[in-house]
PDB file of N, CA and C in Angstrom:
ATOM      1  N   MET A   1       1.011 171.312 207.579  1.00  0.00           N
ATOM      2  CA  MET A   1       0.231 170.193 207.263  1.00  0.00           C
ATOM      3  C   MET A   1       0.987 169.030 207.955  1.00  0.00           C
ATOM      4  N   LYS A   2       0.283 168.285 208.740  1.00  0.00           N
ATOM      5  CA  LYS A   2       0.734 167.063 209.394  1.00  0.00           C
ATOM      6  C   LYS A   2       1.067 165.852 208.514  1.00  0.00           C
ATOM      7  N   LYS A   3       2.139 165.319 208.690  1.00  0.00           N
ATOM      8  CA  LYS A   3       2.505 164.061 207.932  1.00  0.00           C
ATOM      9  C   LYS A   3       1.608 162.831 208.402  1.00  0.00           C
ATOM     10  N   LEU A   4       1.216 162.072 207.450  1.00  0.00           N
ATOM     11  CA  LEU A   4       0.344 160.977 207.888  1.00  0.00           C
ATOM     12  C   LEU A   4       1.413 159.704 207.712  1.00  0.00           C
ATOM     13  N   ASN A   5       1.288 158.848 208.689  1.00  0.00           N
ATOM     14  CA  ASN A   5       2.105 157.685 208.517  1.00  0.00           C
ATOM     15  C   ASN A   5       3.615 157.990 208.448  1.00  0.00           C
ATOM     16  N   CYS A   6       4.008 158.815 209.333  1.00  0.00           N
ATOM     17  CA  CYS A   6       5.512 159.162 209.351  1.00  0.00           C
ATOM     18  C   CYS A   6       6.273 158.056 210.149  1.00  0.00           C
ATOM     19  N   PHE A   7       7.284 157.569 209.446  1.00  0.00           N
ATOM     20  CA  PHE A   7       8.073 156.443 210.110  1.00  0.00           C
ATOM     21  C   PHE A   7       9.429 156.817 210.043  1.00  0.00           C
ATOM     22  N   ASN A   8      10.314 156.375 211.084  1.00  0.00           N
ATOM     23  CA  ASN A   8      11.668 156.419 211.026  1.00  0.00           C
ATOM     24  C   ASN A   8      12.111 155.039 210.414  1.00  0.00           C
ATOM     25  N   VAL A   9      12.855 155.081 209.272  1.00  0.00           N
ATOM     26  CA  VAL A   9      13.156 153.900 208.574  1.00  0.00           C
ATOM     27  C   VAL A   9      14.615 153.822 208.315  1.00  0.00           C
ATOM     28  N   GLY A  10      15.137 152.667 208.062  1.00  0.00           N
ATOM     29  CA  GLY A  10      16.489 152.368 207.552  1.00  0.00           C
ATOM     30  C   GLY A  10      16.379 151.758 206.216  1.00  0.00           C
ATOM     31  N   ILE A  11      17.478 151.841 205.438  1.00  0.00           N
ATOM     32  CA  ILE A  11      17.538 151.080 204.146  1.00  0.00           C
ATOM     33  C   ILE A  11      18.603 150.241 204.196  1.00  0.00           C
ATOM     34  N   TYR A  12      18.589 149.125 203.443  1.00  0.00           N
ATOM     35  CA  TYR A  12      19.572 148.051 203.416  1.00  0.00           C
ATOM     36  C   TYR A  12      20.026 148.002 201.897  1.00  0.00           C
ATOM     37  N   VAL A  13      21.254 148.054 201.629  1.00  0.00           N
ATOM     38  CA  VAL A  13      21.787 147.813 200.314  1.00  0.00           C
ATOM     39  C   VAL A  13      22.876 146.852 200.376  1.00  0.00           C
ATOM     40  N   ARG A  14      23.087 146.074 199.290  1.00  0.00           N
ATOM     41  CA  ARG A  14      24.234 145.108 199.378  1.00  0.00           C
ATOM     42  C   ARG A  14      24.881 145.044 198.082  1.00  0.00           C
ATOM     43  N   LEU A  15      26.202 144.680 198.117  1.00  0.00           N
ATOM     44  CA  LEU A  15      27.095 144.535 196.862  1.00  0.00           C
ATOM     45  C   LEU A  15      26.815 143.207 196.225  1.00  0.00           C
ATOM     46  N   SER A  16      26.576 143.247 194.996  1.00  0.00           N
ATOM     47  CA  SER A  16      26.445 141.982 194.197  1.00  0.00           C
ATOM     48  C   SER A  16      27.867 141.433 193.925  1.00  0.00           C
ATOM     49  N   ARG A  17      28.058 140.110 193.977  1.00  0.00           N
ATOM     50  CA  ARG A  17      29.323 139.545 193.736  1.00  0.00           C
ATOM     51  C   ARG A  17      29.796 139.981 192.250  1.00  0.00           C
ATOM     52  N   ASP A  18      28.843 140.089 191.377  1.00  0.00           N
ATOM     53  CA  ASP A  18      29.283 140.421 189.937  1.00  0.00           C
ATOM     54  C   ASP A  18      29.674 141.913 189.915  1.00  0.00           C
ATOM     55  N   ASP A  19      29.503 142.629 190.891  1.00  0.00           N
ATOM     56  CA  ASP A  19      29.697 144.153 190.755  1.00  0.00           C
ATOM     57  C   ASP A  19      30.894 144.635 191.527  1.00  0.00           C
ATOM     58  N   ASN A  20      31.521 143.781 192.126  1.00  0.00           N
ATOM     59  CA  ASN A  20      32.852 144.121 192.927  1.00  0.00           C
ATOM     60  C   ASN A  20      33.849 144.349 191.882  1.00  0.00           C
ATOM     61  N   ASN A  21      34.050 145.668 191.679  1.00  0.00           N
ATOM     62  CA  ASN A  21      35.089 145.963 190.608  1.00  0.00           C
ATOM     63  C   ASN A  21      36.224 146.779 191.293  1.00  0.00           C
ATOM     64  N   GLY A  22      36.416 146.510 192.670  1.00  0.00           N
ATOM     65  CA  GLY A  22      37.548 147.106 193.337  1.00  0.00           C
ATOM     66  C   GLY A  22      37.363 148.468 193.913  1.00  0.00           C
ATOM     67  N   ASN A  23      36.205 149.083 193.544  1.00  0.00           N
ATOM     68  CA  ASN A  23      36.021 150.459 194.142  1.00  0.00           C
ATOM     69  C   ASN A  23      35.489 150.236 195.462  1.00  0.00           C
ATOM     70  N   LEU A  24      35.749 151.324 196.346  1.00  0.00           N
ATOM     71  CA  LEU A  24      35.355 151.232 197.809  1.00  0.00           C
ATOM     72  C   LEU A  24      33.751 151.080 197.839  1.00  0.00           C
ATOM     73  N   GLU A  25      33.057 151.743 196.977  1.00  0.00           N
ATOM     74  CA  GLU A  25      31.631 151.732 196.888  1.00  0.00           C
ATOM     75  C   GLU A  25      31.251 151.678 195.406  1.00  0.00           C
ATOM     76  N   SER A  26      30.532 150.533 194.973  1.00  0.00           N
ATOM     77  CA  SER A  26      30.217 150.271 193.680  1.00  0.00           C
ATOM     78  C   SER A  26      29.100 151.084 193.163  1.00  0.00           C
ATOM     79  N   MET A  27      28.958 151.200 191.908  1.00  0.00           N
ATOM     80  CA  MET A  27      27.884 151.911 191.289  1.00  0.00           C
ATOM     81  C   MET A  27      26.570 151.288 191.641  1.00  0.00           C
ATOM     82  N   SER A  28      26.526 149.994 191.881  1.00  0.00           N
ATOM     83  CA  SER A  28      25.307 149.294 192.343  1.00  0.00           C
ATOM     84  C   SER A  28      24.791 149.777 193.620  1.00  0.00           C
ATOM     85  N   ILE A  29      25.836 149.948 194.584  1.00  0.00           N
ATOM     86  CA  ILE A  29      25.518 150.415 195.841  1.00  0.00           C
ATOM     87  C   ILE A  29      24.928 151.871 195.926  1.00  0.00           C
ATOM     88  N   SER A  30      25.583 152.780 195.152  1.00  0.00           N
ATOM     89  CA  SER A  30      25.198 154.111 194.996  1.00  0.00           C
ATOM     90  C   SER A  30      23.700 154.124 194.351  1.00  0.00           C
ATOM     91  N   ASN A  31      23.502 153.303 193.343  1.00  0.00           N
ATOM     92  CA  ASN A  31      22.132 153.278 192.618  1.00  0.00           C
ATOM     93  C   ASN A  31      21.106 152.805 193.628  1.00  0.00           C
ATOM     94  N   GLN A  32      21.402 151.769 194.402  1.00  0.00           N
ATOM     95  CA  GLN A  32      20.429 151.306 195.353  1.00  0.00           C
ATOM     96  C   GLN A  32      20.112 152.316 196.342  1.00  0.00           C
ATOM     97  N   LYS A  33      21.060 153.039 196.866  1.00  0.00           N
ATOM     98  CA  LYS A  33      20.979 154.056 197.844  1.00  0.00           C
ATOM     99  C   LYS A  33      19.927 155.157 197.366  1.00  0.00           C
ATOM    100  N   GLN A  34      20.310 155.629 196.079  1.00  0.00           N
ATOM    101  CA  GLN A  34      19.419 156.657 195.470  1.00  0.00           C
ATOM    102  C   GLN A  34      18.068 156.243 195.264  1.00  0.00           C
ATOM    103  N   ILE A  35      17.778 155.065 194.762  1.00  0.00           N
ATOM    104  CA  ILE A  35      16.399 154.614 194.535  1.00  0.00           C
ATOM    105  C   ILE A  35      15.646 154.408 195.897  1.00  0.00           C
ATOM    106  N   LEU A  36      16.266 153.872 196.793  1.00  0.00           N
ATOM    107  CA  LEU A  36      15.634 153.673 198.132  1.00  0.00           C
ATOM    108  C   LEU A  36      15.385 154.968 198.802  1.00  0.00           C
ATOM    109  N   SER A  37      16.404 155.843 198.793  1.00  0.00           N
ATOM    110  CA  SER A  37      16.271 157.188 199.480  1.00  0.00           C
ATOM    111  C   SER A  37      15.090 157.793 198.762  1.00  0.00           C
ATOM    112  N   ASP A  38      15.009 157.826 197.461  1.00  0.00           N
ATOM    113  CA  ASP A  38      13.862 158.536 196.784  1.00  0.00           C
ATOM    114  C   ASP A  38      12.437 158.010 197.182  1.00  0.00           C
ATOM    115  N   TYR A  39      12.505 156.675 197.409  1.00  0.00           N
ATOM    116  CA  TYR A  39      11.259 155.990 197.682  1.00  0.00           C
ATOM    117  C   TYR A  39      10.866 156.448 199.127  1.00  0.00           C
ATOM    118  N   VAL A  40      11.821 156.432 200.029  1.00  0.00           N
ATOM    119  CA  VAL A  40      11.483 156.951 201.403  1.00  0.00           C
ATOM    120  C   VAL A  40      11.026 158.352 201.438  1.00  0.00           C
ATOM    121  N   LYS A  41      11.728 159.260 200.707  1.00  0.00           N
ATOM    122  CA  LYS A  41      11.257 160.612 200.567  1.00  0.00           C
ATOM    123  C   LYS A  41       9.728 160.695 199.974  1.00  0.00           C
ATOM    124  N   GLU A  42       9.610 159.935 198.882  1.00  0.00           N
ATOM    125  CA  GLU A  42       8.244 159.977 198.194  1.00  0.00           C
ATOM    126  C   GLU A  42       7.083 159.644 199.331  1.00  0.00           C
ATOM    127  N   LYS A  43       7.501 158.720 200.111  1.00  0.00           N
ATOM    128  CA  LYS A  43       6.530 158.255 201.184  1.00  0.00           C
ATOM    129  C   LYS A  43       6.292 159.184 202.372  1.00  0.00           C
ATOM    130  N   GLY A  44       7.303 160.148 202.492  1.00  0.00           N
ATOM    131  CA  GLY A  44       7.205 161.184 203.543  1.00  0.00           C
ATOM    132  C   GLY A  44       7.787 160.705 204.791  1.00  0.00           C
ATOM    133  N   TRP A  45       8.555 159.528 204.729  1.00  0.00           N
ATOM    134  CA  TRP A  45       9.240 158.924 205.933  1.00  0.00           C
ATOM    135  C   TRP A  45      10.548 159.481 206.145  1.00  0.00           C
ATOM    136  N   ASP A  46      11.222 159.377 207.432  1.00  0.00           N
ATOM    137  CA  ASP A  46      12.363 159.950 207.828  1.00  0.00           C
ATOM    138  C   ASP A  46      13.464 158.889 207.791  1.00  0.00           C
ATOM    139  N   LEU A  47      14.372 159.022 206.860  1.00  0.00           N
ATOM    140  CA  LEU A  47      15.553 157.967 206.739  1.00  0.00           C
ATOM    141  C   LEU A  47      16.552 158.310 207.888  1.00  0.00           C
ATOM    142  N   VAL A  48      16.719 157.463 208.700  1.00  0.00           N
ATOM    143  CA  VAL A  48      17.528 157.465 209.878  1.00  0.00           C
ATOM    144  C   VAL A  48      18.911 156.663 209.832  1.00  0.00           C
ATOM    145  N   GLU A  49      18.827 155.636 208.920  1.00  0.00           N
ATOM    146  CA  GLU A  49      20.047 154.817 208.897  1.00  0.00           C
ATOM    147  C   GLU A  49      20.080 154.199 207.550  1.00  0.00           C
ATOM    148  N   THR A  50      21.340 153.974 207.127  1.00  0.00           N
ATOM    149  CA  THR A  50      21.616 153.229 205.820  1.00  0.00           C
ATOM    150  C   THR A  50      22.477 152.166 206.187  1.00  0.00           C
ATOM    151  N   TYR A  51      22.204 150.930 205.841  1.00  0.00           N
ATOM    152  CA  TYR A  51      22.969 149.684 206.101  1.00  0.00           C
ATOM    153  C   TYR A  51      23.598 149.210 204.854  1.00  0.00           C
ATOM    154  N   VAL A  52      24.839 149.035 204.858  1.00  0.00           N
ATOM    155  CA  VAL A  52      25.500 148.598 203.545  1.00  0.00           C
ATOM    156  C   VAL A  52      26.289 147.242 203.883  1.00  0.00           C
ATOM    157  N   GLU A  53      26.063 146.371 203.007  1.00  0.00           N
ATOM    158  CA  GLU A  53      26.654 144.916 203.165  1.00  0.00           C
ATOM    159  C   GLU A  53      27.562 144.803 201.931  1.00  0.00           C
ATOM    160  N   MET A  54      28.883 144.599 202.109  1.00  0.00           N
ATOM    161  CA  MET A  54      29.773 144.363 201.041  1.00  0.00           C
ATOM    162  C   MET A  54      30.368 143.064 200.946  1.00  0.00           C
TER     163      MET A  54
END
């Protein structure tokens, strides 16, 4: 079956000032990545890049 509206996409996640608890990657970042990755997958798009701002 051919994918309709197949796009190459990137996701952008950022660290909240309130969430900087000294870890290299906060739980907020991990949660954002998971939520956005799931959304991209649900849409049938191809995730090609993840941008992280800390």
